[in-house]
Amino acid sequence: MSAVSTTQSTTQSSSGPGVVEWEHLDKKKFYLFAPLASLATRFALYPSNLVKTRLQAQSGKLLYRGTWDAFTKIWQFEGIKGLYKGFLPNSLGVIASQIYVTTFELSRHMVSASTDNELIKNAVPGGAASLISQSVVVPVDIVSQRMMVHGQVTSPFGAAAPPLISTRQVVREILKTEGTKGLFRGYWTSICTFAPSSVVWWAVYGKVREIQLEAAPDTKTHVPAQALAGAIAGSVTAVVTNPLDTIRTRLQLANSNEVGAITVRGTIDTLLRQSGWGGLLKGATARVIHMAPNSVLMITAYEMVKRWSLKPEHQE
């Protein structure tokens, strides 16, 4: 779960009648239901994330011509297992999601005491939550991404794919060749990716909700309307911030022996040299396919979880 998606689902219920606030929740119920909902969403959207990662990582001779070509080739030559390579370590991101939600909500509660500015009330807690949660997200992403791109097969006549690798093997190899810092490669790049994503998402989401409320004021707490706004915001954010995400992905996947490739500038230079400016939009379609439904599912699931987790005195 990304920082953006968690923020989307958390804050959109921050005011108004019928809204479930953080202090209304039974935390024991919440921390039971929220991880399950997050894991289910992660499972449903994982194939699109894998395809996006492979498209962004490919260089030189292209293995895939686009999003649909990647989906069909992976399904044909690697099967369902190919679409879920790296899911096990990626599922640990559920922990980061709960860290993010908790940090965001507590920070927002403190910030709200000193300002009524919605931008500040969202931006400051979002930044704090991203900073803390990325400590879990980055290692999880690096391990799962390397498993995602392992043993790609695009022809029945090609060489046999290497056997599947385990999470332990990937972690051992990273520690052996790069040390602990290898698990945190691209940490600041990740923060610089997700922070702008949050800004773009909230700007678009806020504008869409403004238009919706002008047309139909009774949709203030209407989940379908919020979900539609989330889908639009997710789609726009996916395209606008795709260059940052592509750079982050390639930076984290670069081999330790690729001279100059492990710096941000080296990664950008290599990408432009190999694919031109169009390379910055690699995987954009797959990212839209991932982020738009993610926004919808996260808002819907989070609202359901919050209502299931209400304290008895706040239940209708």
C-alpha atoms as a PDB file:
ATOM      1  CA  MET A   1       0.000   0.000   0.000  1.00  0.00           C
ATOM      2  CA  SER A   2       1.356   3.359  -0.949  1.00  0.00           C
ATOM      3  CA  ALA A   3       1.391   6.412   1.228  1.00  0.00           C
ATOM      4  CA  VAL A   4      -0.999   8.118  -1.154  1.00  0.00           C
ATOM      5  CA  SER A   5      -3.617   5.427  -1.061  1.00  0.00           C
ATOM      6  CA  THR A   6      -3.620   5.264   2.714  1.00  0.00           C
ATOM      7  CA  THR A   7      -3.937   9.032   3.068  1.00  0.00           C
ATOM      8  CA  GLN A   8      -6.770   9.079   0.577  1.00  0.00           C
ATOM      9  CA  SER A   9      -8.821   6.632   2.554  1.00  0.00           C
ATOM     10  CA  THR A  10      -8.016   8.110   5.939  1.00  0.00           C
ATOM     11  CA  THR A  11      -8.680  11.791   5.539  1.00  0.00           C
ATOM     12  CA  GLN A  12     -11.622  11.907   3.238  1.00  0.00           C
ATOM     13  CA  SER A  13     -13.823  11.274   6.290  1.00  0.00           C
ATOM     14  CA  SER A  14     -12.321  14.006   8.391  1.00  0.00           C
ATOM     15  CA  SER A  15     -15.370  16.230   8.791  1.00  0.00           C
ATOM     16  CA  GLY A  16     -19.099  16.427   8.423  1.00  0.00           C
ATOM     17  CA  PRO A  17     -22.153  14.518   9.683  1.00  0.00           C
ATOM     18  CA  GLY A  18     -22.007  10.738   9.866  1.00  0.00           C
ATOM     19  CA  VAL A  19     -18.227  10.779   9.777  1.00  0.00           C
ATOM     20  CA  VAL A  20     -16.173   8.214  11.687  1.00  0.00           C
ATOM     21  CA  GLU A  21     -13.253   9.893  13.456  1.00  0.00           C
ATOM     22  CA  TRP A  22     -10.136   8.193  14.843  1.00  0.00           C
ATOM     23  CA  GLU A  23     -11.295   8.581  18.448  1.00  0.00           C
ATOM     24  CA  HIS A  24     -14.579   6.795  17.607  1.00  0.00           C
ATOM     25  CA  LEU A  25     -12.806   3.542  16.792  1.00  0.00           C
ATOM     26  CA  ASP A  26     -12.265   0.421  18.860  1.00  0.00           C
ATOM     27  CA  LYS A  27      -8.548   0.044  18.086  1.00  0.00           C
ATOM     28  CA  LYS A  28      -8.524  -3.725  18.722  1.00  0.00           C
ATOM     29  CA  LYS A  29     -11.179  -4.254  16.062  1.00  0.00           C
ATOM     30  CA  PHE A  30      -9.544  -1.747  13.757  1.00  0.00           C
ATOM     31  CA  TYR A  31      -6.113  -3.388  13.847  1.00  0.00           C
ATOM     32  CA  LEU A  32      -7.765  -6.736  13.120  1.00  0.00           C
ATOM     33  CA  PHE A  33      -9.905  -5.651  10.169  1.00  0.00           C
ATOM     34  CA  ALA A  34      -7.601  -3.046   8.570  1.00  0.00           C
ATOM     35  CA  PRO A  35      -4.672  -5.394   7.784  1.00  0.00           C
ATOM     36  CA  LEU A  36      -7.063  -7.978   6.323  1.00  0.00           C
ATOM     37  CA  ALA A  37      -8.656  -5.367   4.064  1.00  0.00           C
ATOM     38  CA  SER A  38      -5.242  -4.054   3.052  1.00  0.00           C
ATOM     39  CA  LEU A  39      -3.983  -7.548   2.243  1.00  0.00           C
ATOM     40  CA  ALA A  40      -7.064  -8.337   0.135  1.00  0.00           C
ATOM     41  CA  THR A  41      -6.637  -5.100  -1.841  1.00  0.00           C
ATOM     42  CA  ARG A  42      -2.933  -5.759  -2.295  1.00  0.00           C
ATOM     43  CA  PHE A  43      -3.663  -9.267  -3.611  1.00  0.00           C
ATOM     44  CA  ALA A  44      -6.268  -8.030  -6.097  1.00  0.00           C
ATOM     45  CA  LEU A  45      -4.011  -5.346  -7.571  1.00  0.00           C
ATOM     46  CA  TYR A  46      -0.631  -7.085  -7.377  1.00  0.00           C
ATOM     47  CA  PRO A  47      -0.511  -8.303 -11.031  1.00  0.00           C
ATOM     48  CA  SER A  48      -0.848  -4.743 -12.342  1.00  0.00           C
ATOM     49  CA  ASN A  49       1.952  -3.639 -10.015  1.00  0.00           C
ATOM     50  CA  LEU A  50       4.180  -6.464 -11.271  1.00  0.00           C
ATOM     51  CA  VAL A  51       3.513  -5.566 -14.923  1.00  0.00           C
ATOM     52  CA  LYS A  52       4.211  -1.900 -14.212  1.00  0.00           C
ATOM     53  CA  THR A  53       7.508  -2.798 -12.550  1.00  0.00           C
ATOM     54  CA  ARG A  54       8.657  -4.998 -15.448  1.00  0.00           C
ATOM     55  CA  LEU A  55       7.799  -2.346 -18.028  1.00  0.00           C
ATOM     56  CA  GLN A  56       9.678   0.330 -16.099  1.00  0.00           C
ATOM     57  CA  ALA A  57      12.712  -1.904 -15.554  1.00  0.00           C
ATOM     58  CA  GLN A  58      13.212  -3.185 -19.108  1.00  0.00           C
ATOM     59  CA  SER A  59      16.004  -1.690 -21.189  1.00  0.00           C
ATOM     60  CA  GLY A  60      17.802  -2.473 -24.420  1.00  0.00           C
ATOM     61  CA  LYS A  61      15.905  -5.152 -26.356  1.00  0.00           C
ATOM     62  CA  LEU A  62      12.321  -4.846 -25.186  1.00  0.00           C
ATOM     63  CA  LEU A  63      10.677  -7.956 -23.789  1.00  0.00           C
ATOM     64  CA  TYR A  64       7.208  -6.403 -23.794  1.00  0.00           C
ATOM     65  CA  ARG A  65       5.594  -3.995 -26.237  1.00  0.00           C
ATOM     66  CA  GLY A  66       3.115  -2.607 -23.740  1.00  0.00           C
ATOM     67  CA  THR A  67       0.843  -3.332 -20.806  1.00  0.00           C
ATOM     68  CA  TRP A  68      -1.470  -5.842 -22.495  1.00  0.00           C
ATOM     69  CA  ASP A  69       1.444  -7.584 -24.213  1.00  0.00           C
ATOM     70  CA  ALA A  70       3.145  -7.972 -20.830  1.00  0.00           C
ATOM     71  CA  PHE A  71       0.017  -9.359 -19.174  1.00  0.00           C
ATOM     72  CA  THR A  72      -0.576 -11.921 -21.908  1.00  0.00           C
ATOM     73  CA  LYS A  73       3.057 -13.062 -22.144  1.00  0.00           C
ATOM     74  CA  ILE A  74       3.429 -13.458 -18.401  1.00  0.00           C
ATOM     75  CA  TRP A  75       0.175 -15.427 -18.248  1.00  0.00           C
ATOM     76  CA  GLN A  76       1.094 -17.572 -21.252  1.00  0.00           C
ATOM     77  CA  PHE A  77       4.704 -18.391 -20.365  1.00  0.00           C
ATOM     78  CA  GLU A  78       4.823 -18.078 -16.582  1.00  0.00           C
ATOM     79  CA  GLY A  79       1.251 -18.742 -15.525  1.00  0.00           C
ATOM     80  CA  ILE A  80      -0.554 -17.348 -12.505  1.00  0.00           C
ATOM     81  CA  LYS A  81       2.595 -17.772 -10.400  1.00  0.00           C
ATOM     82  CA  GLY A  82       4.388 -15.350 -12.687  1.00  0.00           C
ATOM     83  CA  LEU A  83       1.835 -12.618 -11.947  1.00  0.00           C
ATOM     84  CA  TYR A  84       2.391 -13.055  -8.212  1.00  0.00           C
ATOM     85  CA  LYS A  85       6.174 -13.313  -8.054  1.00  0.00           C
ATOM     86  CA  GLY A  86       7.367 -11.474  -4.966  1.00  0.00           C
ATOM     87  CA  PHE A  87       3.905 -11.246  -3.404  1.00  0.00           C
ATOM     88  CA  LEU A  88       4.987 -12.839  -0.126  1.00  0.00           C
ATOM     89  CA  PRO A  89       7.583 -10.185   0.783  1.00  0.00           C
ATOM     90  CA  ASN A  90       5.353  -7.496  -0.722  1.00  0.00           C
ATOM     91  CA  SER A  91       2.550  -8.487   1.644  1.00  0.00           C
ATOM     92  CA  LEU A  92       4.744  -7.297   4.517  1.00  0.00           C
ATOM     93  CA  GLY A  93       3.873  -3.831   3.260  1.00  0.00           C
ATOM     94  CA  VAL A  94       0.637  -4.293   5.210  1.00  0.00           C
ATOM     95  CA  ILE A  95       2.708  -3.485   8.294  1.00  0.00           C
ATOM     96  CA  ALA A  96       3.809  -0.223   6.701  1.00  0.00           C
ATOM     97  CA  SER A  97       0.183   0.597   5.921  1.00  0.00           C
ATOM     98  CA  GLN A  98      -0.778   0.338   9.578  1.00  0.00           C
ATOM     99  CA  ILE A  99       2.259   2.400  10.605  1.00  0.00           C
ATOM    100  CA  TYR A 100       1.241   5.016   8.046  1.00  0.00           C
ATOM    101  CA  VAL A 101      -2.392   5.186   9.175  1.00  0.00           C
ATOM    102  CA  THR A 102      -1.481   5.426  12.847  1.00  0.00           C
ATOM    103  CA  THR A 103       1.205   8.071  12.297  1.00  0.00           C
ATOM    104  CA  PHE A 104      -1.032  10.069   9.987  1.00  0.00           C
ATOM    105  CA  GLU A 105      -4.053  10.049  12.275  1.00  0.00           C
ATOM    106  CA  LEU A 106      -2.108  10.918  15.438  1.00  0.00           C
ATOM    107  CA  SER A 107      -0.150  13.649  13.642  1.00  0.00           C
ATOM    108  CA  ARG A 108      -3.296  15.073  12.105  1.00  0.00           C
ATOM    109  CA  HIS A 109      -4.976  15.189  15.490  1.00  0.00           C
ATOM    110  CA  MET A 110      -2.067  17.252  16.864  1.00  0.00           C
ATOM    111  CA  VAL A 111      -1.816  19.543  13.826  1.00  0.00           C
ATOM    112  CA  SER A 112      -5.594  20.132  13.824  1.00  0.00           C
ATOM    113  CA  ALA A 113      -5.308  21.648  17.277  1.00  0.00           C
ATOM    114  CA  SER A 114      -3.293  24.571  15.904  1.00  0.00           C
ATOM    115  CA  THR A 115      -4.741  25.187  12.423  1.00  0.00           C
ATOM    116  CA  ASP A 116      -7.932  24.872  10.395  1.00  0.00           C
ATOM    117  CA  ASN A 117      -6.084  24.911   7.068  1.00  0.00           C
ATOM    118  CA  GLU A 118      -6.969  21.602   5.376  1.00  0.00           C
ATOM    119  CA  LEU A 119      -3.834  21.611   3.205  1.00  0.00           C
ATOM    120  CA  ILE A 120      -1.560  21.888   6.251  1.00  0.00           C
ATOM    121  CA  LYS A 121      -3.672  19.369   8.195  1.00  0.00           C
ATOM    122  CA  ASN A 122      -3.127  16.843   5.405  1.00  0.00           C
ATOM    123  CA  ALA A 123       0.363  17.696   4.139  1.00  0.00           C
ATOM    124  CA  VAL A 124       2.253  17.777   7.450  1.00  0.00           C
ATOM    125  CA  PRO A 125       0.896  14.466   8.806  1.00  0.00           C
ATOM    126  CA  GLY A 126       1.266  12.912   5.354  1.00  0.00           C
ATOM    127  CA  GLY A 127       4.923  13.873   5.221  1.00  0.00           C
ATOM    128  CA  ALA A 128       5.580  12.515   8.709  1.00  0.00           C
ATOM    129  CA  ALA A 129       3.748   9.281   7.957  1.00  0.00           C
ATOM    130  CA  SER A 130       5.613   8.809   4.658  1.00  0.00           C
ATOM    131  CA  LEU A 131       8.975   9.408   6.298  1.00  0.00           C
ATOM    132  CA  ILE A 132       8.341   6.776   8.967  1.00  0.00           C
ATOM    133  CA  SER A 133       6.534   4.163   6.863  1.00  0.00           C
ATOM    134  CA  GLN A 134       9.159   4.232   4.079  1.00  0.00           C
ATOM    135  CA  SER A 135      11.557   2.573   6.514  1.00  0.00           C
ATOM    136  CA  VAL A 136       9.455  -0.558   5.993  1.00  0.00           C
ATOM    137  CA  VAL A 137       8.236   0.093   2.453  1.00  0.00           C
ATOM    138  CA  VAL A 138      11.657   0.504   0.795  1.00  0.00           C
ATOM    139  CA  PRO A 139      13.197  -2.854   1.858  1.00  0.00           C
ATOM    140  CA  VAL A 140       9.924  -4.620   1.037  1.00  0.00           C
ATOM    141  CA  ASP A 141       9.805  -2.991  -2.410  1.00  0.00           C
ATOM    142  CA  ILE A 142      13.425  -3.783  -3.222  1.00  0.00           C
ATOM    143  CA  VAL A 143      13.073  -7.474  -2.386  1.00  0.00           C
ATOM    144  CA  SER A 144       9.685  -7.930  -4.054  1.00  0.00           C
ATOM    145  CA  GLN A 145      10.725  -5.996  -7.188  1.00  0.00           C
ATOM    146  CA  ARG A 146      13.769  -8.197  -7.709  1.00  0.00           C
ATOM    147  CA  MET A 147      11.557 -11.245  -7.444  1.00  0.00           C
ATOM    148  CA  MET A 148       9.070  -9.661  -9.866  1.00  0.00           C
ATOM    149  CA  VAL A 149      11.632  -9.355 -12.669  1.00  0.00           C
ATOM    150  CA  HIS A 150      13.372 -12.691 -12.034  1.00  0.00           C
ATOM    151  CA  GLY A 151      13.162 -15.361 -14.744  1.00  0.00           C
ATOM    152  CA  GLN A 152      11.112 -13.476 -17.326  1.00  0.00           C
ATOM    153  CA  VAL A 153      10.055 -15.655 -20.281  1.00  0.00           C
ATOM    154  CA  THR A 154       8.536 -14.211 -23.449  1.00  0.00           C
ATOM    155  CA  SER A 155       8.939 -17.086 -25.927  1.00  0.00           C
ATOM    156  CA  PRO A 156       8.172 -20.806 -25.779  1.00  0.00           C
ATOM    157  CA  PHE A 157      11.402 -21.361 -27.742  1.00  0.00           C
ATOM    158  CA  GLY A 158      13.592 -19.316 -25.427  1.00  0.00           C
ATOM    159  CA  ALA A 159      15.872 -20.605 -22.717  1.00  0.00           C
ATOM    160  CA  ALA A 160      14.167 -22.198 -19.750  1.00  0.00           C
ATOM    161  CA  ALA A 161      13.403 -19.768 -16.975  1.00  0.00           C
ATOM    162  CA  PRO A 162      15.588 -20.000 -13.885  1.00  0.00           C
ATOM    163  CA  PRO A 163      13.897 -21.670 -10.915  1.00  0.00           C
ATOM    164  CA  LEU A 164      11.857 -19.433  -8.630  1.00  0.00           C
ATOM    165  CA  ILE A 165      13.924 -17.694  -5.988  1.00  0.00           C
ATOM    166  CA  SER A 166      12.903 -17.257  -2.375  1.00  0.00           C
ATOM    167  CA  THR A 167      12.715 -14.131  -0.272  1.00  0.00           C
ATOM    168  CA  ARG A 168      15.603 -15.425   1.831  1.00  0.00           C
ATOM    169  CA  GLN A 169      17.808 -15.898  -1.242  1.00  0.00           C
ATOM    170  CA  VAL A 170      17.162 -12.354  -2.445  1.00  0.00           C
ATOM    171  CA  VAL A 171      17.853 -10.825   0.964  1.00  0.00           C
ATOM    172  CA  ARG A 172      21.054 -12.857   1.357  1.00  0.00           C
ATOM    173  CA  GLU A 173      22.313 -11.793  -2.072  1.00  0.00           C
ATOM    174  CA  ILE A 174      21.635  -8.110  -1.353  1.00  0.00           C
ATOM    175  CA  LEU A 175      23.361  -8.259   2.029  1.00  0.00           C
ATOM    176  CA  LYS A 176      26.304 -10.159   0.515  1.00  0.00           C
ATOM    177  CA  THR A 177      26.911  -7.748  -2.361  1.00  0.00           C
ATOM    178  CA  GLU A 178      25.763  -4.392  -0.933  1.00  0.00           C
ATOM    179  CA  GLY A 179      25.346  -4.776   2.805  1.00  0.00           C
ATOM    180  CA  THR A 180      22.413  -3.412   4.789  1.00  0.00           C
ATOM    181  CA  LYS A 181      22.382  -0.184   2.766  1.00  0.00           C
ATOM    182  CA  GLY A 182      21.342  -2.239  -0.250  1.00  0.00           C
ATOM    183  CA  LEU A 183      17.966  -2.823   1.389  1.00  0.00           C
ATOM    184  CA  PHE A 184      17.441   0.935   1.657  1.00  0.00           C
ATOM    185  CA  ARG A 185      18.636   1.961  -1.786  1.00  0.00           C
ATOM    186  CA  GLY A 186      16.424   4.719  -3.126  1.00  0.00           C
ATOM    187  CA  TYR A 187      15.015   5.605   0.308  1.00  0.00           C
ATOM    188  CA  TRP A 188      15.047   9.350  -0.247  1.00  0.00           C
ATOM    189  CA  THR A 189      14.009   8.901  -3.869  1.00  0.00           C
ATOM    190  CA  SER A 190      10.971   6.972  -2.640  1.00  0.00           C
ATOM    191  CA  ILE A 191      10.046   9.779  -0.273  1.00  0.00           C
ATOM    192  CA  CYS A 192      10.531  12.305  -3.091  1.00  0.00           C
ATOM    193  CA  THR A 193       8.221  10.155  -5.241  1.00  0.00           C
ATOM    194  CA  PHE A 194       5.398   9.646  -2.782  1.00  0.00           C
ATOM    195  CA  ALA A 195       5.317  13.206  -1.420  1.00  0.00           C
ATOM    196  CA  PRO A 196       4.560  14.798  -4.825  1.00  0.00           C
ATOM    197  CA  SER A 197       2.097  11.971  -5.480  1.00  0.00           C
ATOM    198  CA  SER A 198       0.211  12.986  -2.345  1.00  0.00           C
ATOM    199  CA  VAL A 199       0.152  16.637  -3.400  1.00  0.00           C
ATOM    200  CA  VAL A 200      -1.146  15.843  -6.899  1.00  0.00           C
ATOM    201  CA  TRP A 201      -3.675  13.333  -5.586  1.00  0.00           C
ATOM    202  CA  TRP A 202      -5.126  15.732  -3.027  1.00  0.00           C
ATOM    203  CA  ALA A 203      -5.278  18.628  -5.481  1.00  0.00           C
ATOM    204  CA  VAL A 204      -7.231  16.574  -8.038  1.00  0.00           C
ATOM    205  CA  TYR A 205      -9.375  14.794  -5.451  1.00  0.00           C
ATOM    206  CA  GLY A 206     -10.279  18.067  -3.751  1.00  0.00           C
ATOM    207  CA  LYS A 207     -11.286  19.673  -7.039  1.00  0.00           C
ATOM    208  CA  VAL A 208     -13.416  16.702  -8.078  1.00  0.00           C
ATOM    209  CA  ARG A 209     -15.132  16.602  -4.680  1.00  0.00           C
ATOM    210  CA  GLU A 210     -15.749  20.340  -4.904  1.00  0.00           C
ATOM    211  CA  ILE A 211     -17.488  19.869  -8.250  1.00  0.00           C
ATOM    212  CA  GLN A 212     -19.480  16.919  -6.892  1.00  0.00           C
ATOM    213  CA  LEU A 213     -20.648  18.823  -3.819  1.00  0.00           C
ATOM    214  CA  GLU A 214     -21.710  21.823  -5.898  1.00  0.00           C
ATOM    215  CA  ALA A 215     -23.794  19.525  -8.086  1.00  0.00           C
ATOM    216  CA  ALA A 216     -25.092  17.301  -5.257  1.00  0.00           C
ATOM    217  CA  PRO A 217     -24.480  18.544  -1.677  1.00  0.00           C
ATOM    218  CA  ASP A 218     -25.862  15.315  -0.177  1.00  0.00           C
ATOM    219  CA  THR A 219     -22.798  13.361  -1.403  1.00  0.00           C
ATOM    220  CA  LYS A 220     -20.561  14.701   1.403  1.00  0.00           C
ATOM    221  CA  THR A 221     -20.306  11.259   3.026  1.00  0.00           C
ATOM    222  CA  HIS A 222     -21.498   9.262   0.008  1.00  0.00           C
ATOM    223  CA  VAL A 223     -18.893   6.522  -0.517  1.00  0.00           C
ATOM    224  CA  PRO A 224     -19.596   5.951  -4.269  1.00  0.00           C
ATOM    225  CA  ALA A 225     -19.026   9.655  -4.953  1.00  0.00           C
ATOM    226  CA  GLN A 226     -15.817   9.586  -2.928  1.00  0.00           C
ATOM    227  CA  ALA A 227     -14.734   6.439  -4.764  1.00  0.00           C
ATOM    228  CA  LEU A 228     -15.299   8.089  -8.155  1.00  0.00           C
ATOM    229  CA  ALA A 229     -13.274  11.118  -7.085  1.00  0.00           C
ATOM    230  CA  GLY A 230     -10.544   8.781  -5.853  1.00  0.00           C
ATOM    231  CA  ALA A 231     -10.447   6.918  -9.165  1.00  0.00           C
ATOM    232  CA  ILE A 232     -10.042  10.155 -11.119  1.00  0.00           C
ATOM    233  CA  ALA A 233      -7.370  11.433  -8.725  1.00  0.00           C
ATOM    234  CA  GLY A 234      -5.545   8.110  -8.857  1.00  0.00           C
ATOM    235  CA  SER A 235      -5.514   8.067 -12.661  1.00  0.00           C
ATOM    236  CA  VAL A 236      -4.182  11.617 -12.985  1.00  0.00           C
ATOM    237  CA  THR A 237      -1.578  11.063 -10.269  1.00  0.00           C
ATOM    238  CA  ALA A 238      -0.415   7.831 -11.898  1.00  0.00           C
ATOM    239  CA  VAL A 239       0.431   9.587 -15.162  1.00  0.00           C
ATOM    240  CA  VAL A 240       1.817  12.849 -13.736  1.00  0.00           C
ATOM    241  CA  THR A 241       4.184  11.177 -11.269  1.00  0.00           C
ATOM    242  CA  ASN A 242       5.116   8.176 -13.426  1.00  0.00           C
ATOM    243  CA  PRO A 243       8.562   9.609 -14.313  1.00  0.00           C
ATOM    244  CA  LEU A 244       9.473   9.773 -10.621  1.00  0.00           C
ATOM    245  CA  ASP A 245       8.213   6.244 -10.056  1.00  0.00           C
ATOM    246  CA  THR A 246      10.152   4.926 -13.063  1.00  0.00           C
ATOM    247  CA  ILE A 247      13.384   6.467 -11.781  1.00  0.00           C
ATOM    248  CA  ARG A 248      12.736   5.050  -8.299  1.00  0.00           C
ATOM    249  CA  THR A 249      12.056   1.566  -9.654  1.00  0.00           C
ATOM    250  CA  ARG A 250      15.132   1.456 -11.894  1.00  0.00           C
ATOM    251  CA  LEU A 251      17.300   2.859  -9.105  1.00  0.00           C
ATOM    252  CA  GLN A 252      16.196   0.104  -6.734  1.00  0.00           C
ATOM    253  CA  LEU A 253      16.605  -2.641  -9.350  1.00  0.00           C
ATOM    254  CA  ALA A 254      20.043  -1.583 -10.645  1.00  0.00           C
ATOM    255  CA  ASN A 255      22.836  -4.112 -10.225  1.00  0.00           C
ATOM    256  CA  SER A 256      25.543  -3.096  -7.788  1.00  0.00           C
ATOM    257  CA  ASN A 257      28.185  -3.476 -10.535  1.00  0.00           C
ATOM    258  CA  GLU A 258      26.471  -1.050 -12.919  1.00  0.00           C
ATOM    259  CA  VAL A 259      28.819   1.929 -12.740  1.00  0.00           C
ATOM    260  CA  GLY A 260      26.928   5.159 -12.261  1.00  0.00           C
ATOM    261  CA  ALA A 261      23.549   3.464 -12.359  1.00  0.00           C
ATOM    262  CA  ILE A 262      22.985   3.546  -8.619  1.00  0.00           C
ATOM    263  CA  THR A 263      22.791   7.336  -8.463  1.00  0.00           C
ATOM    264  CA  VAL A 264      19.687   9.281  -9.395  1.00  0.00           C
ATOM    265  CA  ARG A 265      21.545  11.163 -12.116  1.00  0.00           C
ATOM    266  CA  GLY A 266      23.116   7.976 -13.447  1.00  0.00           C
ATOM    267  CA  THR A 267      19.726   6.298 -13.537  1.00  0.00           C
ATOM    268  CA  ILE A 268      18.155   9.204 -15.421  1.00  0.00           C
ATOM    269  CA  ASP A 269      21.052   9.408 -17.913  1.00  0.00           C
ATOM    270  CA  THR A 270      20.843   5.673 -18.607  1.00  0.00           C
ATOM    271  CA  LEU A 271      17.074   5.789 -19.047  1.00  0.00           C
ATOM    272  CA  LEU A 272      17.199   8.739 -21.467  1.00  0.00           C
ATOM    273  CA  ARG A 273      20.055   7.188 -23.424  1.00  0.00           C
ATOM    274  CA  GLN A 274      18.261   3.871 -23.817  1.00  0.00           C
ATOM    275  CA  SER A 275      14.655   4.982 -24.285  1.00  0.00           C
ATOM    276  CA  GLY A 276      14.582   8.736 -24.794  1.00  0.00           C
ATOM    277  CA  TRP A 277      12.099  10.991 -23.029  1.00  0.00           C
ATOM    278  CA  GLY A 278       9.354   8.447 -23.718  1.00  0.00           C
ATOM    279  CA  GLY A 279      11.083   6.132 -21.270  1.00  0.00           C
ATOM    280  CA  LEU A 280       9.831   8.316 -18.411  1.00  0.00           C
ATOM    281  CA  LEU A 281       6.298   7.135 -19.203  1.00  0.00           C
ATOM    282  CA  LYS A 282       7.146   3.430 -19.221  1.00  0.00           C
ATOM    283  CA  GLY A 283       4.476   1.505 -17.367  1.00  0.00           C
ATOM    284  CA  ALA A 284       2.141   4.506 -17.137  1.00  0.00           C
ATOM    285  CA  THR A 285      -0.881   2.545 -18.378  1.00  0.00           C
ATOM    286  CA  ALA A 286      -0.200  -0.294 -15.949  1.00  0.00           C
ATOM    287  CA  ARG A 287       0.243   2.266 -13.184  1.00  0.00           C
ATOM    288  CA  VAL A 288      -3.165   3.781 -13.960  1.00  0.00           C
ATOM    289  CA  ILE A 289      -4.665   0.282 -13.934  1.00  0.00           C
ATOM    290  CA  HIS A 290      -3.077  -0.168 -10.518  1.00  0.00           C
ATOM    291  CA  MET A 291      -3.671   3.235  -8.893  1.00  0.00           C
ATOM    292  CA  ALA A 292      -7.232   3.996 -10.027  1.00  0.00           C
ATOM    293  CA  PRO A 293      -8.760   0.776  -8.632  1.00  0.00           C
ATOM    294  CA  ASN A 294      -6.449   1.070  -5.629  1.00  0.00           C
ATOM    295  CA  SER A 295      -7.931   4.475  -4.806  1.00  0.00           C
ATOM    296  CA  VAL A 296     -11.468   3.109  -5.138  1.00  0.00           C
ATOM    297  CA  LEU A 297     -10.823  -0.051  -3.144  1.00  0.00           C
ATOM    298  CA  MET A 298      -8.880   1.703  -0.394  1.00  0.00           C
ATOM    299  CA  ILE A 299     -11.552   4.341   0.194  1.00  0.00           C
ATOM    300  CA  THR A 300     -14.368   1.795   0.157  1.00  0.00           C
ATOM    301  CA  ALA A 301     -12.533  -0.787   2.269  1.00  0.00           C
ATOM    302  CA  TYR A 302     -11.271   1.765   4.779  1.00  0.00           C
ATOM    303  CA  GLU A 303     -14.732   3.248   5.302  1.00  0.00           C
ATOM    304  CA  MET A 304     -16.164  -0.240   5.853  1.00  0.00           C
ATOM    305  CA  VAL A 305     -13.375  -1.114   8.292  1.00  0.00           C
ATOM    306  CA  LYS A 306     -13.961   2.071  10.269  1.00  0.00           C
ATOM    307  CA  ARG A 307     -17.680   1.349  10.562  1.00  0.00           C
ATOM    308  CA  TRP A 308     -17.017  -2.244  11.632  1.00  0.00           C
ATOM    309  CA  SER A 309     -14.603  -0.919  14.256  1.00  0.00           C
ATOM    310  CA  LEU A 310     -16.879   1.657  15.896  1.00  0.00           C
ATOM    311  CA  LYS A 311     -17.070   1.730  19.667  1.00  0.00           C
ATOM    312  CA  PRO A 312     -20.532   0.702  20.950  1.00  0.00           C
ATOM    313  CA  GLU A 313     -21.408   4.243  22.050  1.00  0.00           C
ATOM    314  CA  HIS A 314     -20.847   5.566  18.525  1.00  0.00           C
ATOM    315  CA  GLN A 315     -22.824   2.898  16.690  1.00  0.00           C
ATOM    316  CA  GLU A 316     -26.122   3.999  15.221  1.00  0.00           C
END
